[in-house]
């Protein structure tokens, strides 16, 4: 059992080393990743991948286009009156799509922070029922919204407000 424990300890040290290297690269070479990391659940790897894949935020006229670019939108098959629900297109960068999905899993998970994005995702999930399929759809929908939000933060340089819409609703009621 000792060799297995030593291997795990060695791998853990390597992971910590590379995590520090990625963090250092983000801070020194790509300072805009700090804007993206304001969202709890988006770490240095996801922020750096987002920055490197999109390369230039001005490529997209609207932040909403980022979801389609990354393949996080549904395929369409319109035939008369029937519009079936199809899977996502899966175009774009597979790694970034996977990282955004992981971030969405965290946001919707038990330890996710209370944010407008989480509330929206949980409501979306409830509308679909309690099935695994409904959860998967909610995760992809949150990942798409997260991509749009990340692009918007990058373009505007704004400070992320986790409960921005809730504050607006509270002000409107008062």
N, C-alpha and C. Protein backbone atom coordinates (compact mmCIF):
# COMPACT_ATOMS: atom_id res chain seq x y z
N UNK A 1 0.82 -1.20 0.00
CA UNK A 1 0.00 0.00 0.00
C UNK A 1 0.87 1.27 0.00
N UNK A 2 2.05 1.18 0.55
CA UNK A 2 2.95 2.34 0.65
C UNK A 2 3.29 2.94 -0.72
N UNK A 3 3.61 2.11 -1.74
CA UNK A 3 3.91 2.71 -3.06
C UNK A 3 2.74 3.49 -3.65
N UNK A 4 1.53 3.01 -3.42
CA UNK A 4 0.35 3.71 -3.92
C UNK A 4 0.21 5.07 -3.24
N UNK A 5 0.40 5.11 -1.93
CA UNK A 5 0.31 6.37 -1.18
C UNK A 5 1.39 7.36 -1.62
N UNK A 6 2.59 6.84 -1.88
CA UNK A 6 3.68 7.72 -2.34
C UNK A 6 3.36 8.29 -3.73
N UNK A 7 2.78 7.48 -4.59
CA UNK A 7 2.40 7.94 -5.93
C UNK A 7 1.33 9.02 -5.83
N UNK A 8 0.36 8.82 -4.98
CA UNK A 8 -0.70 9.82 -4.79
C UNK A 8 -0.12 11.11 -4.25
N UNK A 9 0.79 11.02 -3.28
CA UNK A 9 1.42 12.21 -2.72
C UNK A 9 2.22 12.96 -3.79
N UNK A 10 2.95 12.21 -4.62
CA UNK A 10 3.73 12.83 -5.69
C UNK A 10 2.83 13.53 -6.71
N UNK A 11 1.76 12.86 -7.11
CA UNK A 11 0.83 13.46 -8.06
C UNK A 11 0.15 14.70 -7.46
N UNK A 12 -0.17 14.66 -6.19
CA UNK A 12 -0.78 15.82 -5.53
C UNK A 12 0.16 17.00 -5.54
N UNK A 13 1.46 16.76 -5.30
CA UNK A 13 2.45 17.85 -5.35
C UNK A 13 2.54 18.43 -6.75
N UNK A 14 2.52 17.58 -7.77
CA UNK A 14 2.58 18.06 -9.15
C UNK A 14 1.34 18.87 -9.52
N UNK A 15 0.19 18.42 -9.09
CA UNK A 15 -1.05 19.16 -9.37
C UNK A 15 -0.99 20.54 -8.73
N UNK A 16 -0.56 20.62 -7.46
CA UNK A 16 -0.43 21.93 -6.80
C UNK A 16 0.55 22.83 -7.54
N UNK A 17 1.68 22.27 -8.01
CA UNK A 17 2.67 23.04 -8.75
C UNK A 17 2.06 23.61 -10.03
N UNK A 18 1.37 22.77 -10.79
CA UNK A 18 0.79 23.24 -12.06
C UNK A 18 -0.37 24.20 -11.83
N UNK A 19 -1.12 24.01 -10.76
CA UNK A 19 -2.17 24.98 -10.42
C UNK A 19 -1.57 26.35 -10.17
N UNK A 20 -0.45 26.39 -9.45
CA UNK A 20 0.23 27.67 -9.19
C UNK A 20 0.76 28.27 -10.49
N UNK A 21 1.27 27.44 -11.39
CA UNK A 21 1.77 27.94 -12.67
C UNK A 21 0.65 28.55 -13.52
N UNK A 22 -0.50 27.89 -13.55
CA UNK A 22 -1.64 28.41 -14.30
C UNK A 22 -2.11 29.72 -13.70
N UNK A 23 -2.16 29.77 -12.37
CA UNK A 23 -2.57 31.00 -11.69
C UNK A 23 -1.60 32.14 -11.99
N UNK A 24 -0.31 31.83 -11.98
CA UNK A 24 0.71 32.83 -12.27
C UNK A 24 0.60 33.32 -13.72
N UNK A 25 0.36 32.40 -14.65
CA UNK A 25 0.18 32.77 -16.06
C UNK A 25 -1.03 33.68 -16.23
N UNK A 26 -2.11 33.35 -15.53
CA UNK A 26 -3.32 34.19 -15.60
C UNK A 26 -3.01 35.60 -15.13
N UNK A 27 -2.32 35.73 -14.01
CA UNK A 27 -2.06 37.04 -13.43
C UNK A 27 -1.10 37.86 -14.28
N UNK A 28 -0.06 37.22 -14.80
CA UNK A 28 0.99 37.96 -15.50
C UNK A 28 0.68 38.20 -16.98
N UNK A 29 0.26 37.16 -17.69
CA UNK A 29 0.09 37.28 -19.14
C UNK A 29 -1.33 37.64 -19.55
N UNK A 30 -2.33 37.25 -18.75
CA UNK A 30 -3.72 37.48 -19.10
C UNK A 30 -4.48 38.06 -17.91
N UNK A 31 -4.22 39.31 -17.57
CA UNK A 31 -4.87 39.90 -16.39
C UNK A 31 -6.39 40.01 -16.51
N UNK A 32 -6.92 39.97 -17.74
CA UNK A 32 -8.38 40.04 -17.91
C UNK A 32 -9.08 38.81 -17.36
N UNK A 33 -8.35 37.75 -17.10
CA UNK A 33 -8.97 36.56 -16.52
C UNK A 33 -9.47 36.83 -15.10
N UNK A 34 -8.93 37.85 -14.46
CA UNK A 34 -9.41 38.21 -13.11
C UNK A 34 -10.87 38.65 -13.17
N UNK A 35 -11.26 39.32 -14.26
CA UNK A 35 -12.66 39.72 -14.43
C UNK A 35 -13.57 38.48 -14.51
N UNK A 36 -13.08 37.45 -15.19
CA UNK A 36 -13.88 36.25 -15.38
C UNK A 36 -13.97 35.41 -14.10
N UNK A 37 -12.94 35.49 -13.30
CA UNK A 37 -12.89 34.68 -12.08
C UNK A 37 -13.69 35.28 -10.93
N UNK A 38 -14.35 36.39 -11.17
CA UNK A 38 -15.21 36.98 -10.14
C UNK A 38 -16.38 36.06 -9.81
N UNK A 39 -16.77 35.26 -10.77
CA UNK A 39 -17.91 34.35 -10.60
C UNK A 39 -17.41 33.11 -9.85
N UNK A 40 -18.04 32.84 -8.72
CA UNK A 40 -17.65 31.68 -7.95
C UNK A 40 -18.02 30.43 -8.74
N UNK A 41 -17.06 29.56 -8.96
CA UNK A 41 -17.26 28.37 -9.79
C UNK A 41 -16.43 28.45 -11.06
N UNK A 42 -15.92 29.63 -11.38
CA UNK A 42 -15.04 29.81 -12.53
C UNK A 42 -13.63 30.01 -11.98
N UNK A 43 -12.80 29.01 -12.21
CA UNK A 43 -11.43 29.05 -11.71
C UNK A 43 -10.46 29.52 -12.77
N UNK A 44 -9.18 29.44 -12.45
CA UNK A 44 -8.17 29.92 -13.40
C UNK A 44 -8.13 29.12 -14.70
N UNK A 45 -8.36 27.83 -14.65
CA UNK A 45 -8.31 27.01 -15.88
C UNK A 45 -9.46 27.40 -16.81
N UNK A 46 -10.66 27.52 -16.27
CA UNK A 46 -11.82 27.89 -17.08
C UNK A 46 -11.65 29.30 -17.63
N UNK A 47 -11.21 30.23 -16.79
CA UNK A 47 -11.03 31.62 -17.24
C UNK A 47 -9.97 31.72 -18.33
N UNK A 48 -8.87 31.01 -18.15
CA UNK A 48 -7.80 31.05 -19.14
C UNK A 48 -8.24 30.40 -20.45
N UNK A 49 -8.94 29.28 -20.36
CA UNK A 49 -9.44 28.62 -21.58
C UNK A 49 -10.43 29.53 -22.30
N UNK A 50 -11.30 30.19 -21.56
CA UNK A 50 -12.27 31.11 -22.17
C UNK A 50 -11.54 32.23 -22.89
N UNK A 51 -10.56 32.79 -22.23
CA UNK A 51 -9.78 33.90 -22.80
C UNK A 51 -9.05 33.47 -24.07
N UNK A 52 -8.43 32.29 -24.03
CA UNK A 52 -7.64 31.84 -25.17
C UNK A 52 -8.49 31.38 -26.35
N UNK A 53 -9.63 30.77 -26.08
CA UNK A 53 -10.49 30.30 -27.17
C UNK A 53 -11.18 31.47 -27.85
N UNK A 54 -11.72 32.40 -27.08
CA UNK A 54 -12.41 33.54 -27.69
C UNK A 54 -11.43 34.57 -28.25
N UNK A 55 -10.24 34.63 -27.70
CA UNK A 55 -9.13 35.46 -28.16
C UNK A 55 -9.41 36.96 -28.13
N UNK A 56 -10.42 37.40 -28.81
CA UNK A 56 -10.73 38.83 -28.89
C UNK A 56 -12.22 39.02 -28.64
N UNK A 57 -12.59 39.73 -27.58
CA UNK A 57 -14.02 39.85 -27.27
C UNK A 57 -14.81 40.61 -28.32
N UNK A 58 -14.15 41.45 -29.09
CA UNK A 58 -14.84 42.24 -30.10
C UNK A 58 -15.28 41.41 -31.30
N UNK A 59 -14.86 40.14 -31.37
CA UNK A 59 -15.28 39.26 -32.46
C UNK A 59 -16.78 39.06 -32.47
N UNK A 60 -17.41 39.24 -31.32
CA UNK A 60 -18.84 38.99 -31.19
C UNK A 60 -19.56 40.31 -30.97
N UNK A 61 -20.50 40.62 -31.84
CA UNK A 61 -21.27 41.85 -31.69
C UNK A 61 -22.14 41.79 -30.44
N UNK A 62 -22.70 40.61 -30.20
CA UNK A 62 -23.54 40.41 -29.02
C UNK A 62 -22.97 39.28 -28.18
N UNK A 63 -23.05 39.43 -26.88
CA UNK A 63 -22.57 38.39 -25.99
C UNK A 63 -23.35 37.09 -26.17
N UNK A 64 -24.60 37.20 -26.59
CA UNK A 64 -25.44 36.01 -26.79
C UNK A 64 -24.88 35.08 -27.86
N UNK A 65 -24.08 35.59 -28.76
CA UNK A 65 -23.51 34.78 -29.84
C UNK A 65 -22.47 33.79 -29.33
N UNK A 66 -21.93 34.04 -28.16
CA UNK A 66 -20.87 33.19 -27.63
C UNK A 66 -21.39 31.77 -27.36
N UNK A 67 -22.61 31.64 -26.87
CA UNK A 67 -23.19 30.32 -26.61
C UNK A 67 -23.26 29.49 -27.87
N UNK A 68 -23.68 30.09 -28.97
CA UNK A 68 -23.75 29.37 -30.24
C UNK A 68 -22.35 29.03 -30.76
N UNK A 69 -21.41 29.95 -30.59
CA UNK A 69 -20.04 29.73 -31.04
C UNK A 69 -19.42 28.53 -30.33
N UNK A 70 -19.77 28.34 -29.07
CA UNK A 70 -19.21 27.24 -28.29
C UNK A 70 -20.02 25.95 -28.41
N UNK A 71 -21.11 25.99 -29.16
CA UNK A 71 -21.90 24.79 -29.36
C UNK A 71 -22.83 24.47 -28.21
N UNK A 72 -23.26 25.48 -27.48
CA UNK A 72 -24.13 25.28 -26.33
C UNK A 72 -25.59 25.62 -26.63
N UNK A 73 -25.94 25.72 -27.91
CA UNK A 73 -27.32 25.99 -28.28
C UNK A 73 -27.90 24.75 -28.97
N UNK A 74 -29.23 24.66 -28.92
CA UNK A 74 -29.90 23.50 -29.52
C UNK A 74 -29.84 23.56 -31.04
N UNK A 75 -29.75 22.38 -31.63
CA UNK A 75 -29.89 22.30 -33.08
C UNK A 75 -31.36 22.53 -33.42
N UNK A 76 -31.60 22.98 -34.62
CA UNK A 76 -32.97 23.26 -35.05
C UNK A 76 -33.33 22.33 -36.20
N UNK A 77 -34.58 21.93 -36.20
CA UNK A 77 -35.12 21.13 -37.29
C UNK A 77 -36.58 21.50 -37.46
N UNK A 78 -36.82 22.61 -38.11
CA UNK A 78 -38.18 23.08 -38.32
C UNK A 78 -38.78 22.39 -39.55
N UNK A 79 -39.89 21.72 -39.32
CA UNK A 79 -40.59 21.12 -40.45
C UNK A 79 -42.08 21.38 -40.26
N UNK A 80 -42.52 22.47 -40.79
CA UNK A 80 -43.93 22.82 -40.67
C UNK A 80 -44.27 23.27 -39.26
N UNK A 81 -45.26 22.62 -38.67
CA UNK A 81 -45.73 23.00 -37.34
C UNK A 81 -44.96 22.32 -36.22
N UNK A 82 -44.13 21.36 -36.55
CA UNK A 82 -43.45 20.57 -35.54
C UNK A 82 -42.00 21.04 -35.38
N UNK A 83 -41.61 21.36 -34.15
CA UNK A 83 -40.24 21.77 -33.86
C UNK A 83 -39.71 20.89 -32.72
N UNK A 84 -39.06 19.78 -33.05
CA UNK A 84 -38.61 18.87 -32.00
C UNK A 84 -37.45 19.45 -31.20
N UNK A 85 -37.33 19.01 -29.95
CA UNK A 85 -36.19 19.41 -29.12
C UNK A 85 -35.02 18.52 -29.48
N UNK A 86 -33.97 19.11 -29.99
CA UNK A 86 -32.79 18.36 -30.38
C UNK A 86 -31.65 18.63 -29.41
N UNK A 87 -30.60 17.86 -29.55
CA UNK A 87 -29.42 18.05 -28.70
C UNK A 87 -28.69 19.33 -29.07
N UNK A 88 -27.69 19.69 -28.25
CA UNK A 88 -26.90 20.88 -28.56
C UNK A 88 -26.03 20.59 -29.77
N UNK A 89 -25.56 21.64 -30.42
CA UNK A 89 -24.81 21.48 -31.66
C UNK A 89 -23.41 20.91 -31.44
N UNK A 90 -22.82 21.18 -30.29
CA UNK A 90 -21.47 20.72 -29.94
C UNK A 90 -20.41 21.23 -30.93
N UNK A 91 -20.66 22.38 -31.50
CA UNK A 91 -19.66 23.03 -32.32
C UNK A 91 -18.70 23.75 -31.39
N UNK A 92 -17.60 24.21 -31.90
CA UNK A 92 -16.69 24.98 -31.08
C UNK A 92 -15.75 24.11 -30.25
N UNK A 93 -15.10 24.73 -29.30
CA UNK A 93 -14.06 24.08 -28.52
C UNK A 93 -14.65 23.12 -27.48
N UNK A 94 -14.30 21.86 -27.58
CA UNK A 94 -14.84 20.83 -26.70
C UNK A 94 -14.36 21.03 -25.26
N UNK A 95 -13.09 21.38 -25.08
CA UNK A 95 -12.55 21.57 -23.73
C UNK A 95 -13.26 22.71 -23.01
N UNK A 96 -13.42 23.83 -23.67
CA UNK A 96 -14.09 24.97 -23.04
C UNK A 96 -15.54 24.65 -22.72
N UNK A 97 -16.21 23.96 -23.63
CA UNK A 97 -17.60 23.56 -23.38
C UNK A 97 -17.66 22.66 -22.14
N UNK A 98 -16.71 21.76 -22.02
CA UNK A 98 -16.65 20.87 -20.86
C UNK A 98 -16.37 21.65 -19.57
N UNK A 99 -15.45 22.60 -19.63
CA UNK A 99 -15.13 23.41 -18.44
C UNK A 99 -16.31 24.26 -18.01
N UNK A 100 -17.02 24.85 -18.97
CA UNK A 100 -18.20 25.64 -18.64
C UNK A 100 -19.29 24.77 -18.03
N UNK A 101 -19.42 23.56 -18.54
CA UNK A 101 -20.40 22.63 -18.00
C UNK A 101 -20.04 22.24 -16.57
N UNK A 102 -18.76 22.05 -16.30
CA UNK A 102 -18.32 21.74 -14.94
C UNK A 102 -18.60 22.91 -13.99
N UNK A 103 -18.36 24.11 -14.47
CA UNK A 103 -18.65 25.29 -13.66
C UNK A 103 -20.16 25.38 -13.38
N UNK A 104 -20.96 25.07 -14.38
CA UNK A 104 -22.41 25.08 -14.22
C UNK A 104 -22.85 24.01 -13.22
N UNK A 105 -22.21 22.86 -13.26
CA UNK A 105 -22.51 21.79 -12.29
C UNK A 105 -22.25 22.30 -10.87
N UNK A 106 -21.14 23.01 -10.69
CA UNK A 106 -20.82 23.55 -9.36
C UNK A 106 -21.86 24.59 -8.94
N UNK A 107 -22.20 25.48 -9.86
CA UNK A 107 -23.17 26.54 -9.54
C UNK A 107 -24.51 25.96 -9.13
N UNK A 108 -24.94 24.90 -9.80
CA UNK A 108 -26.23 24.28 -9.49
C UNK A 108 -26.14 23.27 -8.35
N UNK A 109 -24.92 22.90 -7.98
CA UNK A 109 -24.73 21.87 -6.97
C UNK A 109 -25.00 22.34 -5.55
N UNK A 110 -24.80 21.43 -4.61
CA UNK A 110 -25.10 21.69 -3.20
C UNK A 110 -24.26 22.82 -2.61
N UNK A 111 -23.05 23.03 -3.12
CA UNK A 111 -22.17 24.05 -2.56
C UNK A 111 -22.12 25.32 -3.41
N UNK A 112 -22.98 25.40 -4.41
CA UNK A 112 -23.01 26.58 -5.27
C UNK A 112 -23.48 27.81 -4.52
N UNK A 113 -22.94 28.96 -4.87
CA UNK A 113 -23.32 30.21 -4.21
C UNK A 113 -24.73 30.64 -4.62
N UNK A 114 -25.37 31.41 -3.77
CA UNK A 114 -26.70 31.94 -4.08
C UNK A 114 -26.53 33.12 -5.03
N UNK A 115 -26.85 32.89 -6.29
CA UNK A 115 -26.73 33.93 -7.30
C UNK A 115 -27.98 33.91 -8.18
N UNK A 116 -28.13 34.95 -8.97
CA UNK A 116 -29.24 34.98 -9.93
C UNK A 116 -29.12 33.82 -10.92
N UNK A 117 -27.90 33.52 -11.32
CA UNK A 117 -27.67 32.44 -12.26
C UNK A 117 -28.10 31.09 -11.67
N UNK A 118 -27.76 30.86 -10.42
CA UNK A 118 -28.16 29.62 -9.76
C UNK A 118 -29.68 29.55 -9.63
N UNK A 119 -30.30 30.65 -9.20
CA UNK A 119 -31.76 30.67 -9.04
C UNK A 119 -32.45 30.40 -10.38
N UNK A 120 -31.94 31.02 -11.44
CA UNK A 120 -32.52 30.80 -12.75
C UNK A 120 -32.36 29.34 -13.16
N UNK A 121 -31.17 28.78 -12.95
CA UNK A 121 -30.90 27.39 -13.32
C UNK A 121 -31.76 26.40 -12.55
N UNK A 122 -31.94 26.65 -11.26
CA UNK A 122 -32.77 25.75 -10.45
C UNK A 122 -34.24 25.84 -10.88
N UNK A 123 -34.69 27.04 -11.22
CA UNK A 123 -36.07 27.19 -11.71
C UNK A 123 -36.24 26.47 -13.05
N UNK A 124 -35.25 26.57 -13.90
CA UNK A 124 -35.27 25.88 -15.20
C UNK A 124 -35.33 24.37 -14.98
N UNK A 125 -34.55 23.90 -14.03
CA UNK A 125 -34.50 22.47 -13.70
C UNK A 125 -35.87 22.00 -13.19
N UNK A 126 -36.48 22.77 -12.30
CA UNK A 126 -37.80 22.40 -11.75
C UNK A 126 -38.87 22.35 -12.83
N UNK A 127 -38.80 23.27 -13.78
CA UNK A 127 -39.79 23.28 -14.87
C UNK A 127 -39.74 21.99 -15.69
N UNK A 128 -38.55 21.38 -15.76
CA UNK A 128 -38.39 20.17 -16.55
C UNK A 128 -38.74 18.91 -15.80
N UNK A 129 -39.05 19.03 -14.52
CA UNK A 129 -39.36 17.85 -13.72
C UNK A 129 -38.15 17.41 -12.90
N UNK A 130 -38.24 16.23 -12.33
CA UNK A 130 -37.17 15.77 -11.45
C UNK A 130 -36.29 14.72 -12.11
N UNK A 131 -36.33 14.63 -13.41
CA UNK A 131 -35.56 13.60 -14.12
C UNK A 131 -34.11 14.01 -14.32
N UNK A 132 -33.29 13.04 -14.65
CA UNK A 132 -31.89 13.31 -14.96
C UNK A 132 -31.77 14.16 -16.22
N UNK A 133 -32.68 13.94 -17.14
CA UNK A 133 -32.67 14.70 -18.39
C UNK A 133 -32.91 16.19 -18.11
N UNK A 134 -33.80 16.47 -17.18
CA UNK A 134 -34.08 17.87 -16.83
C UNK A 134 -32.85 18.52 -16.21
N UNK A 135 -32.13 17.77 -15.39
CA UNK A 135 -30.91 18.32 -14.77
C UNK A 135 -29.86 18.60 -15.83
N UNK A 136 -29.69 17.68 -16.76
CA UNK A 136 -28.70 17.88 -17.82
C UNK A 136 -29.04 19.11 -18.66
N UNK A 137 -30.31 19.28 -18.97
CA UNK A 137 -30.72 20.46 -19.73
C UNK A 137 -30.44 21.74 -18.96
N UNK A 138 -30.70 21.71 -17.66
CA UNK A 138 -30.46 22.88 -16.82
C UNK A 138 -28.97 23.21 -16.77
N UNK A 139 -28.14 22.19 -16.67
CA UNK A 139 -26.68 22.40 -16.61
C UNK A 139 -26.20 23.04 -17.91
N UNK A 140 -26.66 22.55 -19.04
CA UNK A 140 -26.25 23.11 -20.33
C UNK A 140 -26.77 24.54 -20.47
N UNK A 141 -27.99 24.78 -20.02
CA UNK A 141 -28.55 26.12 -20.10
C UNK A 141 -27.76 27.10 -19.22
N UNK A 142 -27.37 26.66 -18.03
CA UNK A 142 -26.56 27.51 -17.15
C UNK A 142 -25.17 27.72 -17.76
N UNK A 143 -24.61 26.69 -18.36
CA UNK A 143 -23.30 26.84 -19.02
C UNK A 143 -23.38 27.88 -20.14
N UNK A 144 -24.46 27.84 -20.91
CA UNK A 144 -24.65 28.82 -21.99
C UNK A 144 -24.77 30.23 -21.42
N UNK A 145 -25.58 30.39 -20.39
CA UNK A 145 -25.73 31.71 -19.75
C UNK A 145 -24.42 32.17 -19.12
N UNK A 146 -23.67 31.23 -18.57
CA UNK A 146 -22.38 31.56 -17.97
C UNK A 146 -21.42 32.08 -19.03
N UNK A 147 -21.41 31.45 -20.20
CA UNK A 147 -20.55 31.90 -21.30
C UNK A 147 -20.92 33.32 -21.71
N UNK A 148 -22.21 33.60 -21.79
CA UNK A 148 -22.67 34.94 -22.15
C UNK A 148 -22.25 35.95 -21.08
N UNK A 149 -22.43 35.57 -19.82
CA UNK A 149 -22.06 36.45 -18.72
C UNK A 149 -20.55 36.72 -18.69
N UNK A 150 -19.75 35.68 -18.91
CA UNK A 150 -18.30 35.86 -18.93
C UNK A 150 -17.88 36.82 -20.04
N UNK A 151 -18.48 36.66 -21.22
CA UNK A 151 -18.14 37.56 -22.32
C UNK A 151 -18.53 38.99 -21.98
N UNK A 152 -19.71 39.15 -21.39
CA UNK A 152 -20.18 40.49 -21.03
C UNK A 152 -19.25 41.15 -20.01
N UNK A 153 -18.83 40.39 -19.00
CA UNK A 153 -17.90 40.93 -18.01
C UNK A 153 -16.58 41.33 -18.65
N UNK A 154 -16.12 40.51 -19.59
CA UNK A 154 -14.85 40.77 -20.27
C UNK A 154 -14.95 42.04 -21.11
N UNK A 155 -16.05 42.21 -21.82
CA UNK A 155 -16.22 43.38 -22.70
C UNK A 155 -16.37 44.66 -21.88
N UNK A 156 -17.21 44.62 -20.85
CA UNK A 156 -17.50 45.84 -20.10
C UNK A 156 -16.51 46.12 -18.98
N UNK A 157 -15.89 45.07 -18.44
CA UNK A 157 -14.98 45.25 -17.31
C UNK A 157 -15.72 45.52 -16.02
N UNK A 158 -17.02 45.23 -15.99
CA UNK A 158 -17.85 45.47 -14.81
C UNK A 158 -17.48 44.54 -13.66
N UNK A 159 -17.89 44.96 -12.47
CA UNK A 159 -17.78 44.11 -11.29
C UNK A 159 -19.01 43.21 -11.27
N UNK A 160 -18.79 41.94 -11.03
CA UNK A 160 -19.88 40.97 -11.04
C UNK A 160 -20.74 41.13 -9.79
N UNK A 161 -22.05 41.26 -10.00
CA UNK A 161 -23.01 41.33 -8.90
C UNK A 161 -23.82 40.04 -8.90
N UNK A 162 -23.57 39.14 -7.95
CA UNK A 162 -24.24 37.83 -7.95
C UNK A 162 -25.76 37.91 -7.88
N UNK A 163 -26.29 38.88 -7.17
CA UNK A 163 -27.75 38.99 -7.01
C UNK A 163 -28.28 40.29 -7.61
N UNK A 164 -27.81 40.64 -8.78
CA UNK A 164 -28.18 41.89 -9.43
C UNK A 164 -29.68 41.97 -9.71
N UNK A 165 -30.25 40.93 -10.30
CA UNK A 165 -31.68 40.95 -10.64
C UNK A 165 -32.54 40.93 -9.39
N UNK A 166 -32.10 40.25 -8.34
CA UNK A 166 -32.86 40.23 -7.09
C UNK A 166 -32.90 41.60 -6.45
N UNK A 167 -31.81 42.36 -6.57
CA UNK A 167 -31.78 43.72 -6.03
C UNK A 167 -32.76 44.61 -6.79
N UNK A 168 -32.81 44.43 -8.11
CA UNK A 168 -33.74 45.22 -8.92
C UNK A 168 -35.19 44.93 -8.52
N UNK A 169 -35.49 43.66 -8.32
CA UNK A 169 -36.85 43.28 -7.93
C UNK A 169 -37.20 43.84 -6.55
N UNK A 170 -36.24 43.81 -5.63
CA UNK A 170 -36.46 44.35 -4.30
C UNK A 170 -36.68 45.84 -4.32
N UNK A 171 -35.95 46.55 -5.18
CA UNK A 171 -36.11 47.99 -5.30
C UNK A 171 -37.45 48.34 -5.93
N UNK A 172 -37.90 47.53 -6.87
CA UNK A 172 -39.17 47.79 -7.56
C UNK A 172 -40.35 47.57 -6.61
N UNK A 173 -40.24 46.59 -5.70
CA UNK A 173 -41.30 46.30 -4.76
C UNK A 173 -41.38 47.36 -3.67
N UNK A 174 -40.23 47.86 -3.25
CA UNK A 174 -40.19 48.84 -2.13
C UNK A 174 -40.69 50.19 -2.50
